[in-house]
N, C-alpha and C. Protein backbone atom coordinates (compact mmCIF):
# COMPACT_ATOMS: atom_id res chain seq x y z
N MET A 1 -32.62 136.08 -178.88
CA MET A 1 -32.21 136.48 -177.54
C MET A 1 -30.78 136.98 -177.60
N GLY A 2 -30.49 137.97 -176.78
CA GLY A 2 -29.14 138.54 -176.75
C GLY A 2 -28.15 137.62 -176.06
N ASP A 3 -26.94 138.11 -175.92
CA ASP A 3 -25.87 137.34 -175.30
C ASP A 3 -25.97 137.30 -173.77
N ASN A 4 -26.83 138.12 -173.21
CA ASN A 4 -26.99 138.10 -171.76
C ASN A 4 -28.46 138.32 -171.42
N PHE A 5 -28.79 138.13 -170.17
CA PHE A 5 -30.18 138.25 -169.73
C PHE A 5 -30.53 139.65 -169.24
N TYR A 6 -29.57 140.54 -169.18
CA TYR A 6 -29.79 141.85 -168.58
C TYR A 6 -29.49 142.98 -169.55
N GLY A 7 -30.32 143.11 -170.57
CA GLY A 7 -30.19 144.27 -171.45
C GLY A 7 -30.65 145.51 -170.71
N LYS A 8 -29.98 146.63 -170.93
CA LYS A 8 -30.28 147.85 -170.19
C LYS A 8 -31.75 148.25 -170.31
N LYS A 9 -32.33 148.04 -171.47
CA LYS A 9 -33.73 148.44 -171.68
C LYS A 9 -34.71 147.35 -171.27
N ASP A 10 -34.23 146.17 -170.95
CA ASP A 10 -35.14 145.07 -170.61
C ASP A 10 -35.95 145.33 -169.36
N ILE A 11 -35.49 146.20 -168.49
CA ILE A 11 -36.25 146.53 -167.28
C ILE A 11 -37.62 147.09 -167.66
N GLU A 12 -37.71 147.67 -168.84
CA GLU A 12 -38.98 148.20 -169.31
C GLU A 12 -40.02 147.10 -169.48
N LYS A 13 -39.58 145.86 -169.58
CA LYS A 13 -40.50 144.72 -169.71
C LYS A 13 -41.31 144.51 -168.44
N ALA A 14 -40.87 145.10 -167.33
CA ALA A 14 -41.63 144.98 -166.08
C ALA A 14 -43.03 145.59 -166.24
N ALA A 15 -43.20 146.45 -167.22
CA ALA A 15 -44.53 147.04 -167.47
C ALA A 15 -45.54 145.95 -167.80
N LYS A 16 -45.07 144.86 -168.37
CA LYS A 16 -45.97 143.75 -168.69
C LYS A 16 -46.54 143.14 -167.40
N MET A 17 -45.74 143.13 -166.33
CA MET A 17 -46.24 142.64 -165.05
C MET A 17 -47.40 143.51 -164.59
N TYR A 18 -47.27 144.82 -164.80
CA TYR A 18 -48.34 145.74 -164.42
C TYR A 18 -49.60 145.45 -165.25
N ALA A 19 -49.41 145.21 -166.54
CA ALA A 19 -50.55 144.93 -167.42
C ALA A 19 -51.25 143.62 -167.03
N LEU A 20 -50.46 142.63 -166.64
CA LEU A 20 -51.03 141.32 -166.31
C LEU A 20 -51.65 141.28 -164.91
N LYS A 21 -51.02 141.93 -163.95
CA LYS A 21 -51.48 141.90 -162.56
C LYS A 21 -51.36 143.29 -161.94
N PRO A 22 -52.17 144.24 -162.39
CA PRO A 22 -52.01 145.62 -161.94
C PRO A 22 -52.14 145.80 -160.43
N GLU A 23 -53.03 145.08 -159.80
CA GLU A 23 -53.23 145.27 -158.36
C GLU A 23 -52.01 144.79 -157.57
N LEU A 24 -51.38 143.71 -157.99
CA LEU A 24 -50.19 143.23 -157.30
C LEU A 24 -48.99 144.12 -157.57
N MET A 25 -48.84 144.56 -158.81
CA MET A 25 -47.72 145.43 -159.14
C MET A 25 -47.85 146.77 -158.42
N GLN A 26 -49.07 147.29 -158.35
CA GLN A 26 -49.27 148.56 -157.66
C GLN A 26 -48.98 148.42 -156.16
N ALA A 27 -49.37 147.28 -155.60
CA ALA A 27 -49.09 147.03 -154.18
C ALA A 27 -47.58 147.00 -153.94
N TYR A 28 -46.85 146.37 -154.85
CA TYR A 28 -45.39 146.34 -154.74
C TYR A 28 -44.82 147.75 -154.84
N LEU A 29 -45.27 148.52 -155.83
CA LEU A 29 -44.76 149.88 -156.02
C LEU A 29 -45.07 150.77 -154.82
N ASP A 30 -46.28 150.63 -154.27
CA ASP A 30 -46.65 151.41 -153.08
C ASP A 30 -45.76 151.04 -151.90
N PHE A 31 -45.57 149.73 -151.69
CA PHE A 31 -44.72 149.26 -150.60
C PHE A 31 -43.30 149.78 -150.75
N ASP A 32 -42.74 149.64 -151.94
CA ASP A 32 -41.38 150.09 -152.21
C ASP A 32 -41.26 151.59 -151.95
N GLY A 33 -42.23 152.34 -152.39
CA GLY A 33 -42.21 153.79 -152.18
C GLY A 33 -42.23 154.16 -150.71
N LYS A 34 -43.04 153.46 -149.93
CA LYS A 34 -43.10 153.73 -148.49
C LYS A 34 -41.81 153.34 -147.79
N VAL A 35 -41.24 152.22 -148.17
CA VAL A 35 -39.99 151.76 -147.56
C VAL A 35 -38.86 152.75 -147.84
N MET A 36 -38.78 153.25 -149.05
CA MET A 36 -37.66 154.10 -149.44
C MET A 36 -37.86 155.58 -149.07
N ALA A 37 -39.03 155.94 -148.57
CA ALA A 37 -39.27 157.33 -148.16
C ALA A 37 -38.51 157.62 -146.86
N ASP A 38 -38.25 158.90 -146.62
CA ASP A 38 -37.63 159.30 -145.36
C ASP A 38 -38.44 158.78 -144.18
N GLY A 39 -37.77 158.29 -143.20
CA GLY A 39 -38.40 157.81 -141.97
C GLY A 39 -37.37 157.95 -140.88
N SER A 40 -37.21 156.92 -140.07
CA SER A 40 -36.15 156.94 -139.06
C SER A 40 -34.78 157.04 -139.74
N LEU A 41 -34.68 156.46 -140.93
CA LEU A 41 -33.49 156.60 -141.77
C LEU A 41 -33.82 157.55 -142.91
N ASN A 42 -32.87 158.41 -143.26
CA ASN A 42 -33.13 159.31 -144.38
C ASN A 42 -32.92 158.59 -145.72
N LYS A 43 -33.38 159.22 -146.78
CA LYS A 43 -33.34 158.62 -148.12
C LYS A 43 -31.91 158.25 -148.53
N LYS A 44 -30.96 159.11 -148.25
CA LYS A 44 -29.57 158.82 -148.61
C LYS A 44 -29.10 157.53 -147.95
N THR A 45 -29.35 157.39 -146.67
CA THR A 45 -28.93 156.18 -145.95
C THR A 45 -29.62 154.95 -146.52
N LYS A 46 -30.92 155.06 -146.78
CA LYS A 46 -31.66 153.93 -147.35
C LYS A 46 -31.11 153.55 -148.73
N GLU A 47 -30.77 154.55 -149.52
CA GLU A 47 -30.23 154.24 -150.86
C GLU A 47 -28.84 153.61 -150.76
N LEU A 48 -28.04 154.02 -149.80
CA LEU A 48 -26.74 153.36 -149.61
C LEU A 48 -26.93 151.91 -149.16
N ILE A 49 -27.90 151.67 -148.29
CA ILE A 49 -28.21 150.29 -147.91
C ILE A 49 -28.66 149.51 -149.14
N ALA A 50 -29.50 150.13 -149.95
CA ALA A 50 -30.00 149.48 -151.16
C ALA A 50 -28.87 149.15 -152.14
N VAL A 51 -27.90 150.05 -152.25
CA VAL A 51 -26.74 149.78 -153.12
C VAL A 51 -26.02 148.52 -152.64
N ALA A 52 -25.78 148.44 -151.34
CA ALA A 52 -25.10 147.25 -150.80
C ALA A 52 -25.95 146.00 -151.02
N CYS A 53 -27.22 146.08 -150.71
CA CYS A 53 -28.11 144.92 -150.88
C CYS A 53 -28.18 144.49 -152.34
N ALA A 54 -28.22 145.45 -153.24
CA ALA A 54 -28.29 145.13 -154.67
C ALA A 54 -27.06 144.35 -155.13
N HIS A 55 -25.92 144.67 -154.55
CA HIS A 55 -24.71 143.93 -154.90
C HIS A 55 -24.76 142.51 -154.32
N ILE A 56 -25.34 142.36 -153.15
CA ILE A 56 -25.46 141.02 -152.56
C ILE A 56 -26.46 140.18 -153.34
N THR A 57 -27.61 140.78 -153.71
CA THR A 57 -28.60 140.02 -154.48
C THR A 57 -28.23 139.93 -155.95
N GLN A 58 -27.27 140.74 -156.38
CA GLN A 58 -26.72 140.74 -157.73
C GLN A 58 -27.75 141.08 -158.80
N CYS A 59 -28.60 142.06 -158.48
CA CYS A 59 -29.57 142.55 -159.46
C CYS A 59 -28.99 143.74 -160.19
N PRO A 60 -28.67 143.59 -161.47
CA PRO A 60 -28.04 144.70 -162.19
C PRO A 60 -28.93 145.93 -162.29
N TYR A 61 -30.24 145.74 -162.40
CA TYR A 61 -31.14 146.88 -162.48
C TYR A 61 -31.15 147.64 -161.15
N CYS A 62 -31.14 146.90 -160.05
CA CYS A 62 -31.12 147.54 -158.73
C CYS A 62 -29.79 148.24 -158.48
N ILE A 63 -28.70 147.62 -158.89
CA ILE A 63 -27.39 148.26 -158.73
C ILE A 63 -27.39 149.60 -159.46
N HIS A 64 -27.83 149.58 -160.70
CA HIS A 64 -27.86 150.79 -161.52
C HIS A 64 -28.79 151.85 -160.91
N GLY A 65 -30.01 151.45 -160.64
CA GLY A 65 -31.01 152.40 -160.15
C GLY A 65 -30.70 152.96 -158.78
N HIS A 66 -30.30 152.11 -157.85
CA HIS A 66 -30.04 152.59 -156.50
C HIS A 66 -28.73 153.38 -156.41
N THR A 67 -27.77 153.08 -157.27
CA THR A 67 -26.57 153.90 -157.31
C THR A 67 -26.92 155.31 -157.77
N LYS A 68 -27.74 155.41 -158.82
CA LYS A 68 -28.18 156.73 -159.30
C LYS A 68 -29.00 157.44 -158.21
N ASN A 69 -29.89 156.69 -157.55
CA ASN A 69 -30.72 157.29 -156.50
C ASN A 69 -29.88 157.76 -155.32
N ALA A 70 -28.87 156.98 -154.96
CA ALA A 70 -28.00 157.37 -153.84
C ALA A 70 -27.26 158.65 -154.18
N LYS A 71 -26.76 158.73 -155.38
CA LYS A 71 -26.05 159.93 -155.82
C LYS A 71 -27.00 161.13 -155.79
N LYS A 72 -28.21 160.93 -156.29
CA LYS A 72 -29.21 162.00 -156.30
C LYS A 72 -29.60 162.42 -154.88
N ALA A 73 -29.56 161.47 -153.94
CA ALA A 73 -29.91 161.76 -152.55
C ALA A 73 -28.75 162.39 -151.78
N GLY A 74 -27.61 162.61 -152.46
CA GLY A 74 -26.50 163.30 -151.83
C GLY A 74 -25.33 162.43 -151.41
N ALA A 75 -25.36 161.15 -151.75
CA ALA A 75 -24.24 160.28 -151.40
C ALA A 75 -23.03 160.62 -152.28
N SER A 76 -21.87 160.60 -151.67
CA SER A 76 -20.64 160.84 -152.43
C SER A 76 -20.20 159.54 -153.11
N ASP A 77 -19.30 159.67 -154.07
CA ASP A 77 -18.75 158.49 -154.72
C ASP A 77 -18.08 157.59 -153.69
N GLU A 78 -17.40 158.19 -152.73
CA GLU A 78 -16.70 157.42 -151.69
C GLU A 78 -17.69 156.65 -150.82
N GLU A 79 -18.82 157.28 -150.48
CA GLU A 79 -19.84 156.58 -149.68
C GLU A 79 -20.44 155.41 -150.45
N ILE A 80 -20.67 155.61 -151.73
CA ILE A 80 -21.21 154.53 -152.56
C ILE A 80 -20.21 153.39 -152.65
N ALA A 81 -18.94 153.71 -152.87
CA ALA A 81 -17.91 152.67 -152.93
C ALA A 81 -17.82 151.92 -151.60
N GLU A 82 -17.93 152.64 -150.49
CA GLU A 82 -17.87 151.99 -149.18
C GLU A 82 -19.07 151.06 -148.98
N ALA A 83 -20.24 151.48 -149.44
CA ALA A 83 -21.42 150.62 -149.36
C ALA A 83 -21.20 149.33 -150.15
N VAL A 84 -20.58 149.45 -151.32
CA VAL A 84 -20.28 148.27 -152.13
C VAL A 84 -19.31 147.35 -151.37
N PHE A 85 -18.31 147.95 -150.72
CA PHE A 85 -17.36 147.12 -149.95
C PHE A 85 -18.03 146.44 -148.75
N VAL A 86 -19.04 147.07 -148.17
CA VAL A 86 -19.81 146.40 -147.12
C VAL A 86 -20.45 145.14 -147.69
N ALA A 87 -21.02 145.26 -148.89
CA ALA A 87 -21.62 144.09 -149.55
C ALA A 87 -20.57 143.02 -149.83
N VAL A 88 -19.41 143.44 -150.30
CA VAL A 88 -18.32 142.50 -150.59
C VAL A 88 -17.95 141.73 -149.32
N ALA A 89 -17.83 142.44 -148.21
CA ALA A 89 -17.47 141.80 -146.94
C ALA A 89 -18.55 140.82 -146.48
N LEU A 90 -19.81 141.22 -146.61
CA LEU A 90 -20.89 140.34 -146.17
C LEU A 90 -21.00 139.10 -147.05
N ARG A 91 -20.80 139.29 -148.34
CA ARG A 91 -20.85 138.15 -149.27
C ARG A 91 -19.70 137.19 -148.94
N ALA A 92 -18.52 137.72 -148.66
CA ALA A 92 -17.39 136.88 -148.28
C ALA A 92 -17.66 136.21 -146.94
N GLY A 93 -18.30 136.95 -146.03
CA GLY A 93 -18.63 136.39 -144.73
C GLY A 93 -19.58 135.22 -144.84
N GLY A 94 -20.51 135.30 -145.77
CA GLY A 94 -21.43 134.17 -146.00
C GLY A 94 -20.68 132.93 -146.45
N SER A 95 -19.71 133.12 -147.32
CA SER A 95 -18.88 131.99 -147.76
C SER A 95 -18.09 131.41 -146.60
N MET A 96 -17.55 132.30 -145.76
CA MET A 96 -16.81 131.83 -144.59
C MET A 96 -17.72 131.06 -143.65
N ALA A 97 -18.91 131.56 -143.41
CA ALA A 97 -19.85 130.86 -142.53
C ALA A 97 -20.20 129.48 -143.09
N HIS A 98 -20.38 129.40 -144.40
CA HIS A 98 -20.70 128.11 -145.01
C HIS A 98 -19.50 127.16 -145.04
N SER A 99 -18.30 127.70 -144.83
CA SER A 99 -17.13 126.82 -144.77
C SER A 99 -17.25 125.84 -143.61
N CYS A 100 -18.04 126.23 -142.60
CA CYS A 100 -18.26 125.32 -141.46
C CYS A 100 -18.89 124.00 -141.89
N ILE A 101 -19.71 124.05 -142.94
CA ILE A 101 -20.32 122.82 -143.47
C ILE A 101 -19.23 121.92 -144.03
N SER A 102 -18.31 122.50 -144.81
CA SER A 102 -17.22 121.70 -145.35
C SER A 102 -16.34 121.12 -144.25
N MET A 103 -16.01 121.94 -143.27
CA MET A 103 -15.14 121.49 -142.19
C MET A 103 -15.82 120.39 -141.36
N ALA A 104 -17.12 120.53 -141.12
CA ALA A 104 -17.86 119.49 -140.38
C ALA A 104 -17.93 118.21 -141.20
N THR A 105 -18.08 118.33 -142.52
CA THR A 105 -18.13 117.16 -143.38
C THR A 105 -16.81 116.40 -143.35
N LEU A 106 -15.70 117.12 -143.27
CA LEU A 106 -14.40 116.48 -143.20
C LEU A 106 -14.23 115.63 -141.94
N GLU A 107 -15.01 115.98 -140.91
CA GLU A 107 -14.91 115.24 -139.66
C GLU A 107 -15.82 114.01 -139.61
N GLU A 108 -16.65 113.82 -140.62
CA GLU A 108 -17.57 112.67 -140.63
C GLU A 108 -16.84 111.37 -140.90
């Protein structure tokens, strides 16, 4: 095993999921494709949302893929950076919200 769990080519191992459970994997791929298609939100906007979400969920494959997709959909470097900062703010906000647990515990 390598020094980390996220080798750049390891995403290719997802093909094994398709081999083991093709109907479930295909359902996931179909769903993902429909969600990311143009709708009320255009592809660029959806990819910028995905970039932010990927940073919050901390999936390196999603960060890489959705950043490339956002760029391909016409997002500027500045828009992508701003989407990342939205994620940073939300992640910090979650920590701030959870601080209420610590503060309430201090009052026990």
